[in-house]
Amino acid sequence: DVTGKETEDEIYEQVRDELQDALDNAEGRPVAVRLILKGACPAHAKLQIDREHWVQEYRSLATGIGGAGIWLEKVSIKTKPSVSTDEALSRDDGTAYLLRALQQIEIDDTDLDDLIHELSSLRQKLPAEILGGEEPYDPANPQLIKDAVADIKEYLINRLLSTEQGQ
Protein backbone atom coordinates (compact mmCIF):
# COMPACT_ATOMS: atom_id res chain seq x y z
CA ASP A 1 0.00 0.00 0.00
CA VAL A 2 1.59 3.27 -1.14
CA THR A 3 -1.18 5.54 0.10
CA GLY A 4 0.10 9.03 0.76
CA LYS A 5 3.54 8.55 -0.80
CA GLU A 6 4.56 11.90 -2.25
CA THR A 7 7.18 10.81 -4.78
CA GLU A 8 8.16 7.86 -6.90
CA ASP A 9 11.41 7.69 -4.93
CA GLU A 10 9.50 7.12 -1.67
CA ILE A 11 7.61 4.27 -3.33
CA TYR A 12 10.84 2.85 -4.75
CA GLU A 13 12.42 2.84 -1.28
CA GLN A 14 9.35 1.15 0.21
CA VAL A 15 9.45 -1.53 -2.49
CA ARG A 16 13.20 -2.01 -1.91
CA ASP A 17 12.65 -2.48 1.82
CA GLU A 18 9.79 -4.93 1.32
CA LEU A 19 11.70 -6.97 -1.28
CA GLN A 20 14.68 -7.14 1.08
CA ASP A 21 12.39 -8.27 3.94
CA ALA A 22 10.88 -10.99 1.73
CA LEU A 23 14.34 -12.22 0.77
CA ASP A 24 15.56 -12.17 4.39
CA ASN A 25 12.49 -14.11 5.57
CA ALA A 26 12.90 -16.76 2.86
CA GLU A 27 15.89 -18.30 4.69
CA GLY A 28 17.82 -19.03 1.51
CA ARG A 29 14.87 -20.27 -0.52
CA PRO A 30 14.03 -18.58 -3.84
CA VAL A 31 11.35 -15.90 -3.65
CA ALA A 32 8.67 -15.24 -6.28
CA VAL A 33 6.95 -11.87 -5.92
CA ARG A 34 3.87 -10.28 -7.41
CA LEU A 35 4.32 -6.59 -6.78
CA ILE A 36 1.04 -4.68 -6.61
CA LEU A 37 1.25 -0.96 -5.91
CA LYS A 38 -2.11 0.35 -4.74
CA GLY A 39 -3.51 3.31 -2.87
CA ALA A 40 -4.16 7.00 -3.45
CA CYS A 41 -0.96 9.00 -3.70
CA PRO A 42 0.41 12.18 -5.26
CA ALA A 43 2.91 10.04 -7.22
CA HIS A 44 0.06 8.28 -9.08
CA ALA A 45 0.22 10.33 -12.28
CA LYS A 46 3.96 9.92 -12.72
CA LEU A 47 3.74 6.19 -12.10
CA GLN A 48 0.98 5.88 -14.70
CA ILE A 49 2.66 8.11 -17.26
CA ASP A 50 6.00 6.28 -16.99
CA ARG A 51 4.49 2.87 -16.20
CA GLU A 52 6.92 0.81 -18.31
CA HIS A 53 9.90 2.68 -16.89
CA TRP A 54 8.82 1.88 -13.33
CA VAL A 55 8.05 -1.76 -14.11
CA GLN A 56 11.60 -2.12 -15.42
CA GLU A 57 13.03 -0.20 -12.44
CA TYR A 58 11.33 -2.60 -10.02
CA ARG A 59 12.50 -5.63 -12.00
CA SER A 60 16.04 -4.29 -11.95
CA LEU A 61 15.74 -3.57 -8.23
CA ALA A 62 14.68 -7.15 -7.50
CA THR A 63 17.59 -8.51 -9.51
CA GLY A 64 19.99 -6.15 -7.76
CA ILE A 65 18.78 -7.15 -4.31
CA GLY A 66 18.58 -10.89 -4.71
CA GLY A 67 20.12 -11.90 -8.03
CA ALA A 68 18.66 -15.27 -8.96
CA GLY A 69 17.21 -15.60 -5.45
CA ILE A 70 14.28 -13.30 -6.13
CA TRP A 71 11.98 -13.33 -9.13
CA LEU A 72 9.58 -10.48 -9.76
CA GLU A 73 6.86 -12.41 -11.56
CA LYS A 74 4.48 -9.51 -12.12
CA VAL A 75 4.30 -5.79 -11.46
CA SER A 76 0.86 -4.11 -11.26
CA ILE A 77 0.49 -0.39 -10.74
CA LYS A 78 -3.04 0.16 -9.45
CA THR A 79 -2.62 3.47 -7.68
CA LYS A 80 -5.17 6.28 -7.69
CA PRO A 81 -4.73 10.03 -7.75
CA SER A 82 -4.74 11.72 -4.36
CA VAL A 83 -7.07 14.35 -5.83
CA SER A 84 -10.19 12.46 -6.78
CA THR A 85 -11.58 12.89 -10.25
CA ASP A 86 -15.02 13.50 -8.71
CA GLU A 87 -13.60 16.29 -6.57
CA ALA A 88 -11.97 17.92 -9.60
CA LEU A 89 -15.16 17.48 -11.67
CA SER A 90 -17.30 19.21 -9.05
CA ARG A 91 -15.46 22.49 -9.50
CA ASP A 92 -16.36 25.15 -12.03
CA ASP A 93 -13.02 25.80 -13.70
CA GLY A 94 -11.05 24.94 -16.82
CA THR A 95 -9.66 21.71 -15.39
CA ALA A 96 -13.15 20.44 -14.60
CA TYR A 97 -14.32 21.38 -18.09
CA LEU A 98 -11.45 19.45 -19.70
CA LEU A 99 -12.04 16.46 -17.42
CA ARG A 100 -15.71 16.35 -18.40
CA ALA A 101 -14.75 16.53 -22.08
CA LEU A 102 -12.24 13.68 -21.67
CA GLN A 103 -14.76 11.50 -19.87
CA GLN A 104 -17.22 11.92 -22.72
CA ILE A 105 -14.82 10.57 -25.34
CA GLU A 106 -16.29 7.34 -26.62
CA ILE A 107 -15.94 5.32 -29.79
CA ASP A 108 -19.29 4.20 -31.16
CA ASP A 109 -19.84 1.09 -33.29
CA THR A 110 -19.88 3.02 -36.58
CA ASP A 111 -16.57 4.74 -35.81
CA LEU A 112 -15.15 1.45 -34.60
CA ASP A 113 -16.13 -0.31 -37.84
CA ASP A 114 -14.57 2.51 -39.89
CA LEU A 115 -11.38 2.32 -37.86
CA ILE A 116 -11.18 -1.46 -38.17
CA HIS A 117 -11.56 -1.12 -41.93
CA GLU A 118 -8.73 1.44 -42.03
CA LEU A 119 -6.49 -0.72 -39.86
CA SER A 120 -7.03 -3.88 -41.92
CA SER A 121 -4.46 -2.67 -44.46
CA LEU A 122 -1.95 -2.16 -41.63
CA ARG A 123 -2.65 -5.67 -40.38
CA GLN A 124 -1.68 -7.10 -43.77
CA LYS A 125 1.72 -5.39 -43.54
CA LEU A 126 2.61 -6.73 -40.10
CA PRO A 127 5.03 -9.66 -39.81
CA ALA A 128 3.65 -13.05 -38.81
CA GLU A 129 5.58 -12.94 -35.51
CA ILE A 130 3.48 -10.01 -34.34
CA LEU A 131 0.16 -11.48 -35.43
CA GLY A 132 0.86 -14.89 -33.87
CA GLY A 133 2.81 -16.25 -30.95
CA GLU A 134 2.08 -16.08 -27.25
CA GLU A 135 0.83 -12.49 -27.28
CA PRO A 136 -0.61 -11.88 -30.75
CA TYR A 137 -1.24 -8.31 -31.79
CA ASP A 138 -4.10 -7.54 -34.14
CA PRO A 139 -4.57 -3.79 -34.69
CA ALA A 140 -8.07 -4.47 -36.04
CA ASN A 141 -9.24 -6.22 -32.86
CA PRO A 142 -12.26 -4.21 -31.59
CA GLN A 143 -11.47 -4.90 -27.93
CA LEU A 144 -7.87 -3.80 -28.40
CA ILE A 145 -9.08 -0.51 -29.89
CA LYS A 146 -11.58 0.05 -27.06
CA ASP A 147 -8.87 -0.72 -24.49
CA ALA A 148 -6.50 1.71 -26.22
CA VAL A 149 -9.13 4.47 -26.11
CA ALA A 150 -9.68 3.79 -22.39
CA ASP A 151 -5.92 3.84 -21.75
CA ILE A 152 -5.53 7.13 -23.62
CA LYS A 153 -8.38 8.68 -21.64
CA GLU A 154 -6.81 7.54 -18.38
CA TYR A 155 -3.41 8.86 -19.47
CA LEU A 156 -4.83 12.28 -20.37
CA ILE A 157 -6.85 12.51 -17.15
CA ASN A 158 -3.75 11.58 -15.13
CA ARG A 159 -1.69 14.21 -16.94
CA LEU A 160 -4.35 16.83 -16.30
CA LEU A 161 -4.66 15.95 -12.62
CA SER A 162 -0.88 15.86 -12.17
CA THR A 163 -0.63 19.32 -13.74
CA GLU A 164 -3.34 20.41 -11.32
CA GLN A 165 -1.21 19.13 -8.42
CA GLY A 166 1.86 20.90 -9.77
CA GLN A 167 3.80 17.73 -10.61
Foldseek 3Di string as FASTA:
>chain_A
DCAAPAAPVVVVVVLLVVLLVQLVVVVQAAEEDAAEAEYAYLHLLVCLLPVVVVQVVSQVSNCVNQNRRYGHPYYHYHYHHNQDLVNLLPDDDDLNVVLVVLVPDDQDPVNLVVVLVVCVVVQVVDDPVQCDDDHHDDPSPSVVVRVVSVSVSVNVNSVSVSVVVVD
